[in-house]
Amino acid sequence: MQRQHVVVVGAAETKKLGSLPEMSNLALHAEAARLAMHDAGIVPADVDGLACAYEEPTDLAAHLGIRPSWIDGTAVGGCSWIVHLRHASAALRSGHCSTVLIVHGESGRSRVAGPYYNFAPPGSIPQQFINSYPVAGAATLFTLPFVRYMSRYGINEEHLANVVVSQRKWAMKNTRAMRRNPITVDEVLDAPMIAWPFRKPMCCLVADGGGAVVLTGSQRASDLTSSPVYVLGVGEAHGNYLFAPLADDDLIRPEITRRSAALAFSEASCSPSDIDHLMIYDAFAHNPIMGLEGLGFADYGEGAFLIAEGHTDEGGKLPMNTNGGGLSYAHTGSYGMLAMQESIRQLRGLADAQVPNVETSLCHGWGGYFSACATAIFSNVAPH
């Protein structure tokens, strides 16, 4: 019997991204879900699988009028929704459900009725032994390990500024991007310091918003969409403790990235040379650099030079973060869903900064300090 392929048949973001104090965390979930179902041409009664994070899936199901036979509430930071994609794909192939709705909504800026993060519950190991020696915000979590990276590979602040400039060029083409003004390397380096070596433009935006995707099997997909996006392969890998730099033996070459990528590439039966378009979660400017290396698009220590030479820009051999990324498009606190949305738009030919002839897109996300990660490979060409 021919293997059932998993297909994205609906995808949407909330109508607005940015400051939305009039919408609660649940309301952002609901709007994204309804828009994605409308895009797929289905109604809540058609959905029997539901996944979300930092909002109870049972609460969301009740709010939407869905009676799922399969749910997933995995919450491991910003890559959670790519992890959901992997779990949902397995559930669809095994027949546990027939149509899955993966939803992200996050009142990350306004904090209206959530999101409710529970990174260190009372009595847990993180609460007792890790968070008692806290870092002063997310930016400082990454600084010392990346300073070590800079020393080992000869990377400087200008290389980080190049990441901001490269992604801002893409954002300038995107009508929904929160930051669309031109920026130069000198302007980035003159910006206020947040935690050395990260200056303000090197740190992600803080926004309200969300997105959702609808998945089903290839047999049903033909009845629902004329522009299918196939899930070729998904991988995930996990370390230790979400918000402490203890997840990997080598903090500047996180092994979990390689593990996740290897699973995705193996399932998709392809390699980095087969990828036309790339989305790498960028909470900070160093993330795309280390992502290029961990995913196998550059050797260790060479990711920054790939960006500086323009290879990820328009016309480059590996267009990356074409919506502007978390640095210039939007970042709600968790960015994985928004990265997936841009991969899907590119494959559907609907992106503002559309890259010509895109047939494959890889989307990679992280959670915590490289403590969890997930890698998804999509295509608009049906797999064999």
Protein backbone atom coordinates (compact mmCIF):
# COMPACT_ATOMS: atom_id res chain seq x y z
CA MET A 1 0.00 0.00 0.00
CA GLN A 2 1.30 3.48 -0.90
CA ARG A 3 2.51 5.46 2.07
CA GLN A 4 0.25 8.29 3.20
CA HIS A 5 2.02 11.63 2.87
CA VAL A 6 1.30 14.49 5.27
CA VAL A 7 0.18 17.70 3.60
CA VAL A 8 -0.33 21.28 4.78
CA VAL A 9 -3.75 22.25 3.42
CA GLY A 10 -4.31 25.44 5.41
CA ALA A 11 -2.08 28.12 6.89
CA ALA A 12 -2.68 31.58 8.30
CA GLU A 13 -1.39 34.16 10.75
CA THR A 14 -3.48 36.47 12.87
CA LYS A 15 -4.78 39.50 10.98
CA LYS A 16 -2.35 41.74 12.85
CA LEU A 17 1.03 41.35 14.50
CA GLY A 18 2.47 43.81 17.00
CA SER A 19 0.74 45.45 19.94
CA LEU A 20 -2.74 43.93 20.32
CA PRO A 21 -3.91 44.69 23.88
CA GLU A 22 -7.51 44.17 22.81
CA MET A 23 -6.89 40.42 22.28
CA SER A 24 -6.22 37.82 24.95
CA ASN A 25 -3.83 34.92 24.56
CA LEU A 26 -6.79 32.61 23.86
CA ALA A 27 -8.31 35.08 21.39
CA LEU A 28 -5.08 35.11 19.38
CA HIS A 29 -5.17 31.30 19.24
CA ALA A 30 -8.80 31.37 18.14
CA GLU A 31 -8.31 33.91 15.37
CA ALA A 32 -5.31 32.07 13.93
CA ALA A 33 -7.19 28.76 14.10
CA ARG A 34 -10.29 30.08 12.36
CA LEU A 35 -8.29 31.75 9.60
CA ALA A 36 -6.30 28.56 8.96
CA MET A 37 -9.46 26.44 8.87
CA HIS A 38 -11.02 28.93 6.45
CA ASP A 39 -7.91 28.71 4.27
CA ALA A 40 -8.27 24.91 4.24
CA GLY A 41 -12.00 25.08 3.54
CA ILE A 42 -12.94 23.13 6.65
CA VAL A 43 -14.97 23.72 9.81
CA PRO A 44 -14.23 22.72 13.43
CA ALA A 45 -16.26 19.51 13.06
CA ASP A 46 -13.72 18.35 10.44
CA VAL A 47 -10.82 18.56 12.92
CA ASP A 48 -10.02 15.57 15.11
CA GLY A 49 -6.47 16.45 16.12
CA LEU A 50 -5.32 19.58 17.95
CA ALA A 51 -1.95 20.86 19.18
CA CYS A 52 -0.91 24.06 20.92
CA ALA A 53 1.50 25.29 23.61
CA TYR A 54 1.21 27.70 26.53
CA GLU A 55 -2.56 27.40 26.29
CA GLU A 56 -4.34 24.22 27.33
CA PRO A 57 -5.36 22.25 24.22
CA THR A 58 -8.53 21.12 25.97
CA ASP A 59 -9.49 24.75 26.65
CA LEU A 60 -8.80 25.71 23.05
CA ALA A 61 -10.79 22.73 21.78
CA ALA A 62 -13.78 23.77 23.86
CA HIS A 63 -13.49 27.36 22.70
CA LEU A 64 -13.39 26.34 19.03
CA GLY A 65 -16.03 23.62 19.28
CA ILE A 66 -13.61 20.81 18.42
CA ARG A 67 -13.87 17.30 19.87
CA PRO A 68 -10.40 15.88 19.20
CA SER A 69 -9.36 12.25 19.42
CA TRP A 70 -5.70 13.31 19.55
CA ILE A 71 -4.10 16.30 21.30
CA ASP A 72 -0.58 17.52 21.96
CA GLY A 73 0.35 20.21 24.48
CA THR A 74 4.12 19.84 24.24
CA ALA A 75 5.76 23.10 25.37
CA VAL A 76 9.54 23.24 24.98
CA GLY A 77 10.04 26.86 24.03
CA GLY A 78 9.95 28.47 20.60
CA CYS A 79 10.29 25.29 18.54
CA SER A 80 7.22 23.67 20.15
CA TRP A 81 5.04 24.05 17.04
CA ILE A 82 7.62 22.40 14.79
CA VAL A 83 7.75 19.58 17.35
CA HIS A 84 3.94 19.43 17.09
CA LEU A 85 4.34 19.05 13.33
CA ARG A 86 6.46 15.95 13.85
CA HIS A 87 4.09 14.44 16.40
CA ALA A 88 1.05 15.24 14.26
CA SER A 89 2.65 13.68 11.19
CA ALA A 90 3.18 10.46 13.11
CA ALA A 91 -0.41 10.55 14.39
CA LEU A 92 -1.81 11.06 10.90
CA ARG A 93 0.27 8.26 9.39
CA SER A 94 -0.74 5.86 12.14
CA GLY A 95 -4.44 6.67 11.80
CA HIS A 96 -4.92 8.24 15.23
CA CYS A 97 -6.60 11.20 13.54
CA SER A 98 -7.36 12.45 10.04
CA THR A 99 -7.06 16.25 10.24
CA VAL A 100 -4.82 18.13 12.67
CA LEU A 101 -4.90 21.81 13.61
CA ILE A 102 -1.66 23.17 15.07
CA VAL A 103 -2.21 26.56 16.68
CA HIS A 104 0.02 29.28 18.08
CA GLY A 105 -1.21 32.43 19.80
CA GLU A 106 0.88 34.52 22.14
CA SER A 107 0.17 37.79 23.87
CA GLY A 108 3.91 38.17 24.21
CA ARG A 109 3.90 41.96 24.32
CA SER A 110 0.63 42.86 26.04
CA ARG A 111 0.40 39.74 28.28
CA VAL A 112 -3.41 39.68 28.26
CA ALA A 113 -4.58 36.51 30.06
CA GLY A 114 -1.40 34.65 29.29
CA PRO A 115 0.78 33.17 28.02
CA TYR A 116 1.45 31.12 31.14
CA TYR A 117 4.97 29.73 31.03
CA ASN A 118 5.88 27.10 33.57
CA PHE A 119 9.61 26.69 33.02
CA ALA A 120 10.45 26.05 36.68
CA PRO A 121 7.52 24.60 38.64
CA PRO A 122 7.86 24.63 42.44
CA GLY A 123 9.97 21.73 43.61
CA SER A 124 11.43 21.03 40.17
CA ILE A 125 15.17 20.73 39.61
CA PRO A 126 15.31 24.03 37.64
CA GLN A 127 13.43 25.86 40.40
CA GLN A 128 15.70 24.52 43.14
CA PHE A 129 19.11 24.42 41.53
CA ILE A 130 19.15 26.46 38.30
CA ASN A 131 16.81 29.43 38.49
CA SER A 132 18.20 30.30 41.91
CA TYR A 133 21.23 31.58 39.96
CA PRO A 134 19.32 33.44 37.28
CA VAL A 135 20.47 35.26 34.20
CA ALA A 136 19.09 38.77 33.72
CA GLY A 137 16.81 38.04 30.80
CA ALA A 138 17.06 35.97 27.65
CA ALA A 139 19.83 38.03 26.05
CA THR A 140 22.32 37.31 28.83
CA LEU A 141 21.66 33.58 28.59
CA PHE A 142 23.55 33.39 25.29
CA THR A 143 26.32 35.93 25.82
CA LEU A 144 29.20 34.07 27.48
CA PRO A 145 28.97 30.98 25.25
CA PHE A 146 28.85 33.14 22.12
CA VAL A 147 31.80 35.24 23.29
CA ARG A 148 33.71 31.96 23.46
CA TYR A 149 32.47 31.17 19.93
CA MET A 150 33.69 34.58 18.71
CA SER A 151 37.12 33.98 20.20
CA ARG A 152 37.48 30.51 18.71
CA TYR A 153 36.37 31.40 15.18
CA GLY A 154 37.43 35.02 14.78
CA ILE A 155 33.93 36.49 14.70
CA ASN A 156 33.33 40.11 15.67
CA GLU A 157 30.41 42.45 16.30
CA GLU A 158 30.34 43.47 12.65
CA HIS A 159 29.50 39.90 11.67
CA LEU A 160 26.50 40.03 14.00
CA ALA A 161 25.48 43.38 12.52
CA ASN A 162 25.60 41.82 9.03
CA VAL A 163 22.86 39.40 10.10
CA VAL A 164 20.60 42.31 11.07
CA VAL A 165 21.27 44.16 7.82
CA SER A 166 20.72 41.07 5.67
CA GLN A 167 17.37 40.29 7.26
CA ARG A 168 16.24 43.92 7.23
CA LYS A 169 16.64 43.91 3.43
CA TRP A 170 14.07 41.12 3.30
CA ALA A 171 11.79 42.85 5.80
CA MET A 172 11.74 46.00 3.68
CA LYS A 173 9.85 43.97 1.06
CA ASN A 174 7.34 42.64 3.58
CA THR A 175 4.25 44.74 4.26
CA ARG A 176 3.61 43.01 7.62
CA ALA A 177 7.13 43.39 9.01
CA MET A 178 7.34 45.46 12.19
CA ARG A 179 10.72 46.94 11.24
CA ARG A 180 10.98 47.98 7.59
CA ASN A 181 13.31 50.96 7.71
CA PRO A 182 16.74 50.54 6.07
CA ILE A 183 19.65 49.95 8.42
CA THR A 184 23.42 49.86 8.00
CA VAL A 185 26.14 47.97 9.82
CA ASP A 186 27.34 51.24 11.40
CA GLU A 187 23.81 52.02 12.62
CA VAL A 188 23.54 48.58 14.23
CA LEU A 189 26.92 49.03 15.93
CA ASP A 190 25.89 52.47 17.20
CA ALA A 191 22.67 51.14 18.77
CA PRO A 192 22.32 50.69 22.55
CA MET A 193 24.05 47.70 24.09
CA ILE A 194 21.72 45.15 25.70
CA ALA A 195 24.24 42.52 26.79
CA TRP A 196 27.62 42.38 25.08
CA PRO A 197 27.96 41.56 22.24
CA PHE A 198 24.22 41.97 21.53
CA ARG A 199 23.01 45.44 20.67
CA LYS A 200 19.31 46.28 20.47
CA PRO A 201 18.76 45.48 16.74
CA MET A 202 20.50 42.13 17.31
CA CYS A 203 17.70 41.14 19.71
CA CYS A 204 14.28 39.96 18.60
CA LEU A 205 11.13 42.03 18.59
CA VAL A 206 8.42 41.56 21.21
CA ALA A 207 4.95 41.23 19.69
CA ASP A 208 1.45 39.85 20.05
CA GLY A 209 0.20 37.52 17.34
CA GLY A 210 -0.09 33.95 16.21
CA GLY A 211 -0.56 31.48 13.40
CA ALA A 212 -1.95 28.06 12.63
CA VAL A 213 -1.63 25.25 10.11
CA VAL A 214 -3.98 22.46 9.07
CA LEU A 215 -2.53 19.04 8.23
CA THR A 216 -4.09 16.01 6.66
CA GLY A 217 -3.12 12.96 4.63
CA SER A 218 -2.42 13.14 0.91
CA GLN A 219 -5.54 11.11 0.07
CA ARG A 220 -7.82 13.74 1.58
CA ALA A 221 -5.65 16.73 0.67
CA SER A 222 -6.61 16.59 -3.00
CA ASP A 223 -10.19 17.47 -2.01
CA LEU A 224 -9.12 20.46 0.10
CA THR A 225 -6.41 22.43 -1.69
CA SER A 226 -5.01 23.17 -5.11
CA SER A 227 -1.66 24.26 -3.63
CA PRO A 228 -0.51 21.44 -1.33
CA VAL A 229 2.66 21.77 0.71
CA TYR A 230 4.11 18.38 1.56
CA VAL A 231 5.87 17.60 4.82
CA LEU A 232 8.92 15.69 3.58
CA GLY A 233 10.64 15.17 6.91
CA VAL A 234 10.74 16.42 10.48
CA GLY A 235 13.30 15.86 13.22
CA GLU A 236 13.54 16.87 16.86
CA ALA A 237 16.18 16.60 19.57
CA HIS A 238 16.36 17.63 23.20
CA GLY A 239 18.98 18.39 25.84
CA ASN A 240 18.67 19.21 29.52
CA TYR A 241 16.83 22.01 31.32
CA LEU A 242 15.08 24.51 29.10
CA PHE A 243 16.56 27.77 30.34
CA ALA A 244 20.09 26.98 31.41
CA PRO A 245 23.19 26.60 29.23
CA LEU A 246 23.58 22.99 30.28
CA ALA A 247 21.88 21.31 27.36
CA ASP A 248 24.93 20.18 25.44
CA ASP A 249 28.52 19.17 26.11
CA ASP A 250 29.72 21.78 23.61
CA LEU A 251 27.88 25.07 24.04
CA ILE A 252 29.15 26.59 20.78
CA ARG A 253 28.50 23.53 18.63
CA PRO A 254 25.17 22.21 19.95
CA GLU A 255 24.98 18.56 19.02
CA ILE A 256 21.18 18.50 19.22
CA THR A 257 21.00 20.64 16.06
CA ARG A 258 22.87 17.99 14.10
CA ARG A 259 20.68 15.25 15.55
CA SER A 260 17.46 17.01 14.63
CA ALA A 261 18.69 17.88 11.14
CA ALA A 262 19.88 14.32 10.49
CA LEU A 263 16.43 12.95 11.32
CA ALA A 264 14.71 15.44 9.04
CA PHE A 265 17.08 14.97 6.11
CA SER A 266 16.91 11.17 6.45
CA GLU A 267 13.11 11.14 6.44
CA ALA A 268 13.01 13.56 3.50
CA SER A 269 15.67 11.60 1.59
CA CYS A 270 17.58 14.78 0.79
CA SER A 271 20.58 16.84 1.89
CA PRO A 272 21.40 20.53 2.44
CA SER A 273 22.28 20.89 -1.26
CA ASP A 274 18.64 20.13 -2.12
CA ILE A 275 17.22 23.04 -0.09
CA ASP A 276 16.09 26.16 -1.99
CA HIS A 277 14.96 28.31 0.93
CA LEU A 278 15.77 28.44 4.61
CA MET A 279 14.12 29.73 7.78
CA ILE A 280 16.23 29.68 10.96
CA TYR A 281 14.75 30.84 14.25
CA ASP A 282 16.48 34.10 15.17
CA ALA A 283 15.76 35.28 18.68
CA PHE A 284 19.22 36.86 18.50
CA ALA A 285 21.56 37.64 15.64
CA HIS A 286 23.89 34.75 16.36
CA ASN A 287 21.16 32.12 15.92
CA PRO A 288 21.22 32.09 12.08
CA ILE A 289 25.01 31.85 12.15
CA MET A 290 25.03 28.81 14.40
CA GLY A 291 21.99 27.37 12.63
CA LEU A 292 23.71 27.39 9.25
CA GLU A 293 26.56 25.41 10.80
CA GLY A 294 24.51 23.00 12.87
CA LEU A 295 22.21 22.18 9.97
CA GLY A 296 25.12 21.43 7.66
CA PHE A 297 24.96 24.44 5.32
CA ALA A 298 28.37 25.67 6.51
CA ASP A 299 31.27 24.26 8.44
CA TYR A 300 31.68 25.30 12.06
CA GLY A 301 33.01 28.84 12.20
CA GLU A 302 31.93 29.71 8.63
CA GLY A 303 28.25 30.66 9.04
CA ALA A 304 28.95 34.35 9.67
CA PHE A 305 31.07 34.62 6.54
CA LEU A 306 28.34 33.00 4.43
CA ILE A 307 25.97 35.78 5.52
CA ALA A 308 28.55 38.56 5.21
CA GLU A 309 29.26 37.52 1.61
CA GLY A 310 25.57 37.93 0.71
CA HIS A 311 24.73 34.28 0.09
CA THR A 312 21.54 34.51 2.21
CA ASP A 313 20.38 37.77 0.57
CA GLU A 314 18.11 38.22 -2.44
CA GLY A 315 19.81 36.54 -5.38
CA GLY A 316 22.05 34.50 -3.09
CA LYS A 317 22.46 30.75 -3.26
CA LEU A 318 20.56 30.20 0.01
CA PRO A 319 17.86 32.84 0.67
CA MET A 320 17.21 32.83 4.41
CA ASN A 321 14.66 34.39 6.76
CA THR A 322 12.86 36.07 3.90
CA ASN A 323 10.09 37.53 6.06
CA GLY A 324 12.69 39.49 8.02
CA GLY A 325 12.89 36.99 10.84
CA GLY A 326 12.35 37.53 14.51
CA LEU A 327 14.71 40.49 14.33
CA SER A 328 12.60 42.51 11.86
CA TYR A 329 9.31 40.71 11.08
CA ALA A 330 7.77 39.76 14.43
CA HIS A 331 8.59 37.66 17.47
CA THR A 332 5.90 36.88 20.02
CA GLY A 333 8.24 35.24 22.51
CA SER A 334 7.98 31.98 20.57
CA TYR A 335 8.73 32.21 16.86
CA GLY A 336 8.61 28.68 15.41
CA MET A 337 5.09 28.97 13.96
CA LEU A 338 5.85 32.26 12.20
CA ALA A 339 8.96 30.74 10.64
CA MET A 340 6.90 27.81 9.35
CA GLN A 341 4.33 30.22 7.91
CA GLU A 342 6.99 31.88 5.75
CA SER A 343 8.25 28.49 4.50
CA ILE A 344 4.70 27.62 3.48
CA ARG A 345 4.10 31.02 1.84
CA GLN A 346 7.26 30.67 -0.22
CA LEU A 347 6.24 27.21 -1.44
CA ARG A 348 2.77 28.49 -2.31
CA GLY A 349 4.22 31.48 -4.16
CA LEU A 350 2.45 33.93 -1.82
CA ALA A 351 5.35 35.61 0.00
CA ASP A 352 5.89 39.36 -0.19
CA ALA A 353 9.59 38.77 -0.78
CA GLN A 354 8.98 35.78 -3.05
CA VAL A 355 12.04 33.77 -4.06
CA PRO A 356 11.75 32.38 -7.61
CA ASN A 357 11.58 28.64 -8.27
CA VAL A 358 11.36 27.50 -4.65
CA GLU A 359 10.54 23.79 -4.41
CA THR A 360 11.97 22.97 -0.98
CA SER A 361 12.15 24.95 2.25
CA LEU A 362 13.76 24.01 5.55
CA CYS A 363 12.49 25.53 8.78
CA HIS A 364 14.48 25.13 12.00
CA GLY A 365 13.62 26.28 15.50
CA TRP A 366 15.07 26.22 19.00
CA GLY A 367 13.71 26.34 22.52
CA GLY A 368 15.52 27.68 25.55
CA TYR A 369 19.31 27.62 25.39
CA PHE A 370 19.57 25.20 22.45
CA SER A 371 17.76 22.93 24.92
CA ALA A 372 15.25 21.69 22.38
CA CYS A 373 15.17 21.97 18.62
CA ALA A 374 13.16 20.81 15.66
CA THR A 375 13.74 20.79 11.90
CA ALA A 376 11.08 20.55 9.18
CA ILE A 377 11.53 20.14 5.44
CA PHE A 378 8.63 21.13 3.17
CA SER A 379 8.10 20.92 -0.57
CA ASN A 380 5.47 21.86 -3.14
CA VAL A 381 6.42 18.78 -5.17
CA ALA A 382 4.79 15.49 -4.21
CA PRO A 383 7.30 13.00 -2.80
CA HIS A 384 7.85 9.75 -4.66
